Full PDB file with SEQRES, HELIX, SHEET, SSBOND, CRYST1, ORIGX, SCALE, CONECT and MASTER records, all heavy atoms in Angstrom:
SEQRES   1 A   34  LYS ASN THR THR ALA GLY ILE GLU THR GLY CYS VAL ILE          
SEQRES   2 A   34  ARG LEU LYS ALA SER GLU ILE ILE SER ALA ALA GLN SER          
SEQRES   3 A   34  GLY GLN PRO PRO VAL ARG VAL ILE                              
HELIX    1 AA1 THR A    4  LEU A   15  1                                  12    
HELIX    2 AA2 ALA A   17  GLN A   25  1                                   9    
HELIX    3 AA3 PRO A   30  ARG A   32  5                                   3    
CRYST1    1.000    1.000    1.000  90.00  90.00  90.00 P 1           1          
ORIGX1      1.000000  0.000000  0.000000        0.00000                         
ORIGX2      0.000000  1.000000  0.000000        0.00000                         
ORIGX3      0.000000  0.000000  1.000000        0.00000                         
SCALE1      1.000000  0.000000  0.000000        0.00000                         
SCALE2      0.000000  1.000000  0.000000        0.00000                         
SCALE3      0.000000  0.000000  1.000000        0.00000                         
ATOM      1  N   LYS A   1     -15.567  19.380  -1.814  1.00  0.00           N  
ATOM      2  CA  LYS A   1     -15.660  18.027  -1.244  1.00  0.00           C  
ATOM      3  C   LYS A   1     -15.170  17.992   0.196  1.00  0.00           C  
ATOM      4  O   LYS A   1     -15.551  17.102   0.948  1.00  0.00           O  
ATOM      5  CB  LYS A   1     -14.863  17.022  -2.081  1.00  0.00           C  
ATOM      6  CG  LYS A   1     -15.520  16.703  -3.402  1.00  0.00           C  
ATOM      7  CD  LYS A   1     -14.932  15.492  -4.095  1.00  0.00           C  
ATOM      8  CE  LYS A   1     -13.464  15.590  -4.369  1.00  0.00           C  
ATOM      9  NZ  LYS A   1     -12.951  14.467  -5.179  1.00  0.00           N  
ATOM     10  N   ASN A   2     -14.356  18.960   0.601  1.00  0.00           N  
ATOM     11  CA  ASN A   2     -13.834  19.006   1.966  1.00  0.00           C  
ATOM     12  C   ASN A   2     -14.641  19.914   2.888  1.00  0.00           C  
ATOM     13  O   ASN A   2     -14.262  20.107   4.041  1.00  0.00           O  
ATOM     14  CB  ASN A   2     -12.366  19.458   1.950  1.00  0.00           C  
ATOM     15  CG  ASN A   2     -11.496  18.433   1.265  1.00  0.00           C  
ATOM     16  OD1 ASN A   2     -11.583  17.249   1.537  1.00  0.00           O  
ATOM     17  ND2 ASN A   2     -10.672  18.884   0.343  1.00  0.00           N  
ATOM     18  N   THR A   3     -15.748  20.450   2.387  1.00  0.00           N  
ATOM     19  CA  THR A   3     -16.632  21.257   3.223  1.00  0.00           C  
ATOM     20  C   THR A   3     -17.616  20.330   3.933  1.00  0.00           C  
ATOM     21  O   THR A   3     -17.719  19.139   3.618  1.00  0.00           O  
ATOM     22  CB  THR A   3     -17.422  22.282   2.376  1.00  0.00           C  
ATOM     23  OG1 THR A   3     -18.322  21.571   1.514  1.00  0.00           O  
ATOM     24  CG2 THR A   3     -16.493  23.180   1.573  1.00  0.00           C  
ATOM     25  N   THR A   4     -18.371  20.887   4.847  1.00  0.00           N  
ATOM     26  CA  THR A   4     -19.406  20.103   5.533  1.00  0.00           C  
ATOM     27  C   THR A   4     -20.370  19.487   4.521  1.00  0.00           C  
ATOM     28  O   THR A   4     -20.717  18.306   4.632  1.00  0.00           O  
ATOM     29  CB  THR A   4     -20.178  20.993   6.523  1.00  0.00           C  
ATOM     30  OG1 THR A   4     -19.251  21.538   7.465  1.00  0.00           O  
ATOM     31  CG2 THR A   4     -21.245  20.215   7.259  1.00  0.00           C  
ATOM     32  N   ALA A   5     -20.776  20.276   3.531  1.00  0.00           N  
ATOM     33  CA  ALA A   5     -21.713  19.769   2.518  1.00  0.00           C  
ATOM     34  C   ALA A   5     -21.112  18.599   1.753  1.00  0.00           C  
ATOM     35  O   ALA A   5     -21.777  17.586   1.520  1.00  0.00           O  
ATOM     36  CB  ALA A   5     -22.102  20.890   1.555  1.00  0.00           C  
ATOM     37  N   GLY A   6     -19.866  18.706   1.337  1.00  0.00           N  
ATOM     38  CA  GLY A   6     -19.211  17.643   0.584  1.00  0.00           C  
ATOM     39  C   GLY A   6     -18.993  16.388   1.412  1.00  0.00           C  
ATOM     40  O   GLY A   6     -19.222  15.270   0.940  1.00  0.00           O  
ATOM     41  N   ILE A   7     -18.575  16.564   2.639  1.00  0.00           N  
ATOM     42  CA  ILE A   7     -18.327  15.415   3.521  1.00  0.00           C  
ATOM     43  C   ILE A   7     -19.638  14.694   3.827  1.00  0.00           C  
ATOM     44  O   ILE A   7     -19.716  13.464   3.751  1.00  0.00           O  
ATOM     45  CB  ILE A   7     -17.608  15.865   4.803  1.00  0.00           C  
ATOM     46  CG1 ILE A   7     -16.187  16.338   4.452  1.00  0.00           C  
ATOM     47  CG2 ILE A   7     -17.580  14.750   5.840  1.00  0.00           C  
ATOM     48  CD1 ILE A   7     -15.484  17.097   5.565  1.00  0.00           C  
ATOM     49  N   GLU A   8     -20.680  15.463   4.170  1.00  0.00           N  
ATOM     50  CA  GLU A   8     -21.974  14.838   4.463  1.00  0.00           C  
ATOM     51  C   GLU A   8     -22.541  14.133   3.239  1.00  0.00           C  
ATOM     52  O   GLU A   8     -23.076  13.029   3.347  1.00  0.00           O  
ATOM     53  CB  GLU A   8     -22.962  15.881   4.982  1.00  0.00           C  
ATOM     54  CG  GLU A   8     -22.645  16.340   6.386  1.00  0.00           C  
ATOM     55  CD  GLU A   8     -23.595  17.403   6.908  1.00  0.00           C  
ATOM     56  OE1 GLU A   8     -24.569  17.762   6.210  1.00  0.00           O  
ATOM     57  OE2 GLU A   8     -23.354  17.889   8.025  1.00  0.00           O  
ATOM     58  N   THR A   9     -22.410  14.741   2.073  1.00  0.00           N  
ATOM     59  CA  THR A   9     -22.903  14.113   0.842  1.00  0.00           C  
ATOM     60  C   THR A   9     -22.159  12.815   0.582  1.00  0.00           C  
ATOM     61  O   THR A   9     -22.783  11.784   0.267  1.00  0.00           O  
ATOM     62  CB  THR A   9     -22.753  15.074  -0.355  1.00  0.00           C  
ATOM     63  OG1 THR A   9     -23.520  16.260  -0.091  1.00  0.00           O  
ATOM     64  CG2 THR A   9     -23.234  14.426  -1.641  1.00  0.00           C  
ATOM     65  N   GLY A  10     -20.844  12.816   0.716  1.00  0.00           N  
ATOM     66  CA  GLY A  10     -20.053  11.600   0.511  1.00  0.00           C  
ATOM     67  C   GLY A  10     -20.449  10.491   1.463  1.00  0.00           C  
ATOM     68  O   GLY A  10     -20.557   9.322   1.066  1.00  0.00           O  
ATOM     69  N   CYS A  11     -20.687  10.841   2.718  1.00  0.00           N  
ATOM     70  CA  CYS A  11     -21.096   9.835   3.706  1.00  0.00           C  
ATOM     71  C   CYS A  11     -22.453   9.240   3.362  1.00  0.00           C  
ATOM     72  O   CYS A  11     -22.637   8.016   3.439  1.00  0.00           O  
ATOM     73  CB  CYS A  11     -21.143  10.462   5.102  1.00  0.00           C  
ATOM     74  SG  CYS A  11     -19.537  10.832   5.790  1.00  0.00           S  
ATOM     75  N   VAL A  12     -23.400  10.088   2.970  1.00  0.00           N  
ATOM     76  CA  VAL A  12     -24.740   9.602   2.633  1.00  0.00           C  
ATOM     77  C   VAL A  12     -24.688   8.731   1.378  1.00  0.00           C  
ATOM     78  O   VAL A  12     -25.382   7.708   1.307  1.00  0.00           O  
ATOM     79  CB  VAL A  12     -25.733  10.775   2.476  1.00  0.00           C  
ATOM     80  CG1 VAL A  12     -27.072  10.302   1.956  1.00  0.00           C  
ATOM     81  CG2 VAL A  12     -25.913  11.489   3.801  1.00  0.00           C  
ATOM     82  N   ILE A  13     -23.866   9.093   0.418  1.00  0.00           N  
ATOM     83  CA  ILE A  13     -23.730   8.270  -0.794  1.00  0.00           C  
ATOM     84  C   ILE A  13     -23.238   6.881  -0.416  1.00  0.00           C  
ATOM     85  O   ILE A  13     -23.770   5.866  -0.893  1.00  0.00           O  
ATOM     86  CB  ILE A  13     -22.782   8.945  -1.819  1.00  0.00           C  
ATOM     87  CG1 ILE A  13     -23.478  10.148  -2.459  1.00  0.00           C  
ATOM     88  CG2 ILE A  13     -22.342   7.945  -2.892  1.00  0.00           C  
ATOM     89  CD1 ILE A  13     -22.563  11.004  -3.322  1.00  0.00           C  
ATOM     90  N   ARG A  14     -22.256   6.809   0.446  1.00  0.00           N  
ATOM     91  CA  ARG A  14     -21.740   5.488   0.861  1.00  0.00           C  
ATOM     92  C   ARG A  14     -22.771   4.712   1.675  1.00  0.00           C  
ATOM     93  O   ARG A  14     -22.915   3.498   1.510  1.00  0.00           O  
ATOM     94  CB  ARG A  14     -20.433   5.656   1.631  1.00  0.00           C  
ATOM     95  CG  ARG A  14     -19.265   6.016   0.725  1.00  0.00           C  
ATOM     96  CD  ARG A  14     -17.932   6.019   1.457  1.00  0.00           C  
ATOM     97  NE  ARG A  14     -17.816   7.074   2.461  1.00  0.00           N  
ATOM     98  CZ  ARG A  14     -17.536   8.354   2.199  1.00  0.00           C  
ATOM     99  NH1 ARG A  14     -17.377   8.747   0.950  1.00  0.00           N  
ATOM    100  NH2 ARG A  14     -17.431   9.227   3.172  1.00  0.00           N  
ATOM    101  N   LEU A  15     -23.497   5.389   2.546  1.00  0.00           N  
ATOM    102  CA  LEU A  15     -24.503   4.715   3.368  1.00  0.00           C  
ATOM    103  C   LEU A  15     -25.675   4.176   2.556  1.00  0.00           C  
ATOM    104  O   LEU A  15     -26.256   3.155   2.897  1.00  0.00           O  
ATOM    105  CB  LEU A  15     -25.044   5.665   4.445  1.00  0.00           C  
ATOM    106  CG  LEU A  15     -24.105   5.961   5.603  1.00  0.00           C  
ATOM    107  CD1 LEU A  15     -24.671   7.080   6.469  1.00  0.00           C  
ATOM    108  CD2 LEU A  15     -23.870   4.716   6.440  1.00  0.00           C  
ATOM    109  N   LYS A  16     -26.020   4.869   1.494  1.00  0.00           N  
ATOM    110  CA  LYS A  16     -27.185   4.477   0.691  1.00  0.00           C  
ATOM    111  C   LYS A  16     -26.777   3.951  -0.675  1.00  0.00           C  
ATOM    112  O   LYS A  16     -27.508   4.079  -1.648  1.00  0.00           O  
ATOM    113  CB  LYS A  16     -28.127   5.668   0.561  1.00  0.00           C  
ATOM    114  CG  LYS A  16     -28.689   6.099   1.912  1.00  0.00           C  
ATOM    115  CD  LYS A  16     -29.902   6.931   1.769  1.00  0.00           C  
ATOM    116  CE  LYS A  16     -30.557   7.096   3.136  1.00  0.00           C  
ATOM    117  NZ  LYS A  16     -31.798   7.834   3.035  1.00  0.00           N  
ATOM    118  N   ALA A  17     -25.632   3.342  -0.741  1.00  0.00           N  
ATOM    119  CA  ALA A  17     -25.055   2.867  -2.006  1.00  0.00           C  
ATOM    120  C   ALA A  17     -26.001   1.973  -2.794  1.00  0.00           C  
ATOM    121  O   ALA A  17     -26.227   2.193  -3.986  1.00  0.00           O  
ATOM    122  CB  ALA A  17     -23.743   2.144  -1.739  1.00  0.00           C  
ATOM    123  N   SER A  18     -26.571   0.972  -2.151  1.00  0.00           N  
ATOM    124  CA  SER A  18     -27.419   0.036  -2.896  1.00  0.00           C  
ATOM    125  C   SER A  18     -28.684   0.714  -3.400  1.00  0.00           C  
ATOM    126  O   SER A  18     -29.151   0.430  -4.506  1.00  0.00           O  
ATOM    127  CB  SER A  18     -27.755  -1.192  -2.046  1.00  0.00           C  
ATOM    128  OG  SER A  18     -28.465  -0.814  -0.897  1.00  0.00           O  
ATOM    129  N   GLU A  19     -29.237   1.633  -2.616  1.00  0.00           N  
ATOM    130  CA  GLU A  19     -30.442   2.349  -3.065  1.00  0.00           C  
ATOM    131  C   GLU A  19     -30.135   3.285  -4.233  1.00  0.00           C  
ATOM    132  O   GLU A  19     -30.958   3.455  -5.130  1.00  0.00           O  
ATOM    133  CB  GLU A  19     -31.045   3.149  -1.908  1.00  0.00           C  
ATOM    134  CG  GLU A  19     -31.596   2.260  -0.809  1.00  0.00           C  
ATOM    135  CD  GLU A  19     -31.221   2.779   0.568  1.00  0.00           C  
ATOM    136  OE1 GLU A  19     -30.058   2.596   0.951  1.00  0.00           O  
ATOM    137  OE2 GLU A  19     -32.099   3.352   1.231  1.00  0.00           O  
ATOM    138  N   ILE A  20     -28.944   3.886  -4.216  1.00  0.00           N  
ATOM    139  CA  ILE A  20     -28.534   4.769  -5.313  1.00  0.00           C  
ATOM    140  C   ILE A  20     -28.385   3.962  -6.594  1.00  0.00           C  
ATOM    141  O   ILE A  20     -28.859   4.375  -7.660  1.00  0.00           O  
ATOM    142  CB  ILE A  20     -27.229   5.512  -4.951  1.00  0.00           C  
ATOM    143  CG1 ILE A  20     -27.521   6.541  -3.851  1.00  0.00           C  
ATOM    144  CG2 ILE A  20     -26.605   6.171  -6.174  1.00  0.00           C  
ATOM    145  CD1 ILE A  20     -26.290   7.183  -3.261  1.00  0.00           C  
ATOM    146  N   ILE A  21     -27.771   2.811  -6.508  1.00  0.00           N  
ATOM    147  CA  ILE A  21     -27.608   1.946  -7.683  1.00  0.00           C  
ATOM    148  C   ILE A  21     -28.970   1.493  -8.191  1.00  0.00           C  
ATOM    149  O   ILE A  21     -29.234   1.520  -9.390  1.00  0.00           O  
ATOM    150  CB  ILE A  21     -26.691   0.751  -7.372  1.00  0.00           C  
ATOM    151  CG1 ILE A  21     -25.255   1.247  -7.194  1.00  0.00           C  
ATOM    152  CG2 ILE A  21     -26.757  -0.295  -8.477  1.00  0.00           C  
ATOM    153  CD1 ILE A  21     -24.279   0.208  -6.702  1.00  0.00           C  
ATOM    154  N   SER A  22     -29.852   1.103  -7.293  1.00  0.00           N  
ATOM    155  CA  SER A  22     -31.197   0.680  -7.700  1.00  0.00           C  
ATOM    156  C   SER A  22     -31.943   1.801  -8.413  1.00  0.00           C  
ATOM    157  O   SER A  22     -32.614   1.570  -9.420  1.00  0.00           O  
ATOM    158  CB  SER A  22     -32.008   0.226  -6.487  1.00  0.00           C  
ATOM    159  OG  SER A  22     -31.475  -0.945  -5.956  1.00  0.00           O  
ATOM    160  N   ALA A  23     -31.827   3.023  -7.887  1.00  0.00           N  
ATOM    161  CA  ALA A  23     -32.487   4.167  -8.525  1.00  0.00           C  
ATOM    162  C   ALA A  23     -31.918   4.395  -9.926  1.00  0.00           C  
ATOM    163  O   ALA A  23     -32.675   4.587 -10.880  1.00  0.00           O  
ATOM    164  CB  ALA A  23     -32.321   5.419  -7.669  1.00  0.00           C  
ATOM    165  N   ALA A  24     -30.608   4.348 -10.047  1.00  0.00           N  
ATOM    166  CA  ALA A  24     -29.975   4.549 -11.356  1.00  0.00           C  
ATOM    167  C   ALA A  24     -30.413   3.465 -12.336  1.00  0.00           C  
ATOM    168  O   ALA A  24     -30.712   3.754 -13.498  1.00  0.00           O  
ATOM    169  CB  ALA A  24     -28.461   4.574 -11.215  1.00  0.00           C  
ATOM    170  N   GLN A  25     -30.483   2.232 -11.878  1.00  0.00           N  
ATOM    171  CA  GLN A  25     -30.885   1.122 -12.751  1.00  0.00           C  
ATOM    172  C   GLN A  25     -32.342   1.227 -13.177  1.00  0.00           C  
ATOM    173  O   GLN A  25     -32.705   0.785 -14.268  1.00  0.00           O  
ATOM    174  CB  GLN A  25     -30.649  -0.215 -12.045  1.00  0.00           C  
ATOM    175  CG  GLN A  25     -29.197  -0.566 -11.910  1.00  0.00           C  
ATOM    176  CD  GLN A  25     -28.974  -1.796 -11.049  1.00  0.00           C  
ATOM    177  OE1 GLN A  25     -29.751  -2.099 -10.140  1.00  0.00           O  
ATOM    178  NE2 GLN A  25     -27.889  -2.504 -11.322  1.00  0.00           N  
ATOM    179  N   SER A  26     -33.174   1.813 -12.335  1.00  0.00           N  
ATOM    180  CA  SER A  26     -34.602   1.894 -12.648  1.00  0.00           C  
ATOM    181  C   SER A  26     -34.984   3.193 -13.361  1.00  0.00           C  
ATOM    182  O   SER A  26     -36.167   3.432 -13.617  1.00  0.00           O  
ATOM    183  CB  SER A  26     -35.431   1.742 -11.376  1.00  0.00           C  
ATOM    184  OG  SER A  26     -35.242   2.856 -10.529  1.00  0.00           O  
ATOM    185  N   GLY A  27     -34.003   4.036 -13.669  1.00  0.00           N  
ATOM    186  CA  GLY A  27     -34.289   5.262 -14.399  1.00  0.00           C  
ATOM    187  C   GLY A  27     -34.771   6.413 -13.539  1.00  0.00           C  
ATOM    188  O   GLY A  27     -35.315   7.392 -14.048  1.00  0.00           O  
ATOM    189  N   GLN A  28     -34.579   6.305 -12.225  1.00  0.00           N  
ATOM    190  CA  GLN A  28     -34.934   7.381 -11.304  1.00  0.00           C  
ATOM    191  C   GLN A  28     -33.671   8.173 -10.957  1.00  0.00           C  
ATOM    192  O   GLN A  28     -32.586   7.610 -10.928  1.00  0.00           O  
ATOM    193  CB  GLN A  28     -35.541   6.813 -10.017  1.00  0.00           C  
ATOM    194  CG  GLN A  28     -36.826   6.068 -10.232  1.00  0.00           C  
ATOM    195  CD  GLN A  28     -37.912   6.994 -10.744  1.00  0.00           C  
ATOM    196  OE1 GLN A  28     -38.122   8.076 -10.227  1.00  0.00           O  
ATOM    197  NE2 GLN A  28     -38.602   6.558 -11.792  1.00  0.00           N  
ATOM    198  N   PRO A  29     -33.794   9.467 -10.649  1.00  0.00           N  
ATOM    199  CA  PRO A  29     -32.614  10.241 -10.271  1.00  0.00           C  
ATOM    200  C   PRO A  29     -32.058   9.758  -8.922  1.00  0.00           C  
ATOM    201  O   PRO A  29     -32.770   9.804  -7.919  1.00  0.00           O  
ATOM    202  CB  PRO A  29     -33.117  11.676 -10.147  1.00  0.00           C  
ATOM    203  CG  PRO A  29     -34.445  11.702 -10.806  1.00  0.00           C  
ATOM    204  CD  PRO A  29     -34.982  10.306 -10.745  1.00  0.00           C  
ATOM    205  N   PRO A  30     -30.822   9.292  -8.874  1.00  0.00           N  
ATOM    206  CA  PRO A  30     -30.247   8.833  -7.605  1.00  0.00           C  
ATOM    207  C   PRO A  30     -30.221   9.906  -6.523  1.00  0.00           C  
ATOM    208  O   PRO A  30     -30.293   9.589  -5.342  1.00  0.00           O  
ATOM    209  CB  PRO A  30     -28.828   8.415  -7.987  1.00  0.00           C  
ATOM    210  CG  PRO A  30     -28.919   8.053  -9.424  1.00  0.00           C  
ATOM    211  CD  PRO A  30     -29.929   9.010  -9.993  1.00  0.00           C  
ATOM    212  N   VAL A  31     -30.176  11.165  -6.914  1.00  0.00           N  
ATOM    213  CA  VAL A  31     -30.144  12.229  -5.906  1.00  0.00           C  
ATOM    214  C   VAL A  31     -31.414  12.220  -5.059  1.00  0.00           C  
ATOM    215  O   VAL A  31     -31.390  12.626  -3.895  1.00  0.00           O  
ATOM    216  CB  VAL A  31     -29.892  13.616  -6.551  1.00  0.00           C  
ATOM    217  CG1 VAL A  31     -31.093  14.080  -7.345  1.00  0.00           C  
ATOM    218  CG2 VAL A  31     -29.497  14.635  -5.505  1.00  0.00           C  
ATOM    219  N   ARG A  32     -32.508  11.712  -5.612  1.00  0.00           N  
ATOM    220  CA  ARG A  32     -33.755  11.616  -4.815  1.00  0.00           C  
ATOM    221  C   ARG A  32     -33.581  10.719  -3.610  1.00  0.00           C  
ATOM    222  O   ARG A  32     -34.205  10.937  -2.570  1.00  0.00           O  
ATOM    223  CB  ARG A  32     -34.909  11.088  -5.672  1.00  0.00           C  
ATOM    224  CG  ARG A  32     -35.452  12.108  -6.623  1.00  0.00           C  
ATOM    225  CD  ARG A  32     -36.666  11.608  -7.314  1.00  0.00           C  
ATOM    226  NE  ARG A  32     -37.822  11.718  -6.410  1.00  0.00           N  
ATOM    227  CZ  ARG A  32     -39.064  11.544  -6.796  1.00  0.00           C  
ATOM    228  NH1 ARG A  32     -39.334  11.252  -8.049  1.00  0.00           N  
ATOM    229  NH2 ARG A  32     -40.047  11.660  -5.943  1.00  0.00           N  
ATOM    230  N   VAL A  33     -32.741   9.708  -3.738  1.00  0.00           N  
ATOM    231  CA  VAL A  33     -32.503   8.765  -2.638  1.00  0.00           C  
ATOM    232  C   VAL A  33     -31.876   9.477  -1.437  1.00  0.00           C  
ATOM    233  O   VAL A  33     -32.180   9.158  -0.297  1.00  0.00           O  
ATOM    234  CB  VAL A  33     -31.581   7.606  -3.103  1.00  0.00           C  
ATOM    235  CG1 VAL A  33     -31.147   6.728  -1.953  1.00  0.00           C  
ATOM    236  CG2 VAL A  33     -32.269   6.792  -4.184  1.00  0.00           C  
ATOM    237  N   ILE A  34     -31.013  10.454  -1.712  1.00  0.00           N  
ATOM    238  CA  ILE A  34     -30.298  11.119  -0.620  1.00  0.00           C  
ATOM    239  C   ILE A  34     -30.802  12.534  -0.341  1.00  0.00           C  
ATOM    240  O   ILE A  34     -30.330  13.171   0.595  1.00  0.00           O  
ATOM    241  CB  ILE A  34     -28.775  11.149  -0.892  1.00  0.00           C  
ATOM    242  CG1 ILE A  34     -28.444  11.963  -2.141  1.00  0.00           C  
ATOM    243  CG2 ILE A  34     -28.227   9.727  -1.011  1.00  0.00           C  
ATOM    244  CD1 ILE A  34     -26.961  12.199  -2.349  1.00  0.00           C  
TER     245      ILE A  34                                                      
MASTER        0    0    0    3    0    0    0    6  244    1    0    3          
END                                                                             
């Protein structure tokens, strides 16, 4: 989580929070959003 990959992933998750929730609610993999 403290590597470049972990930090960038955490930032993208926060930036696309509503889209991730929408994907999860609609049965789509949230990872596709990011």
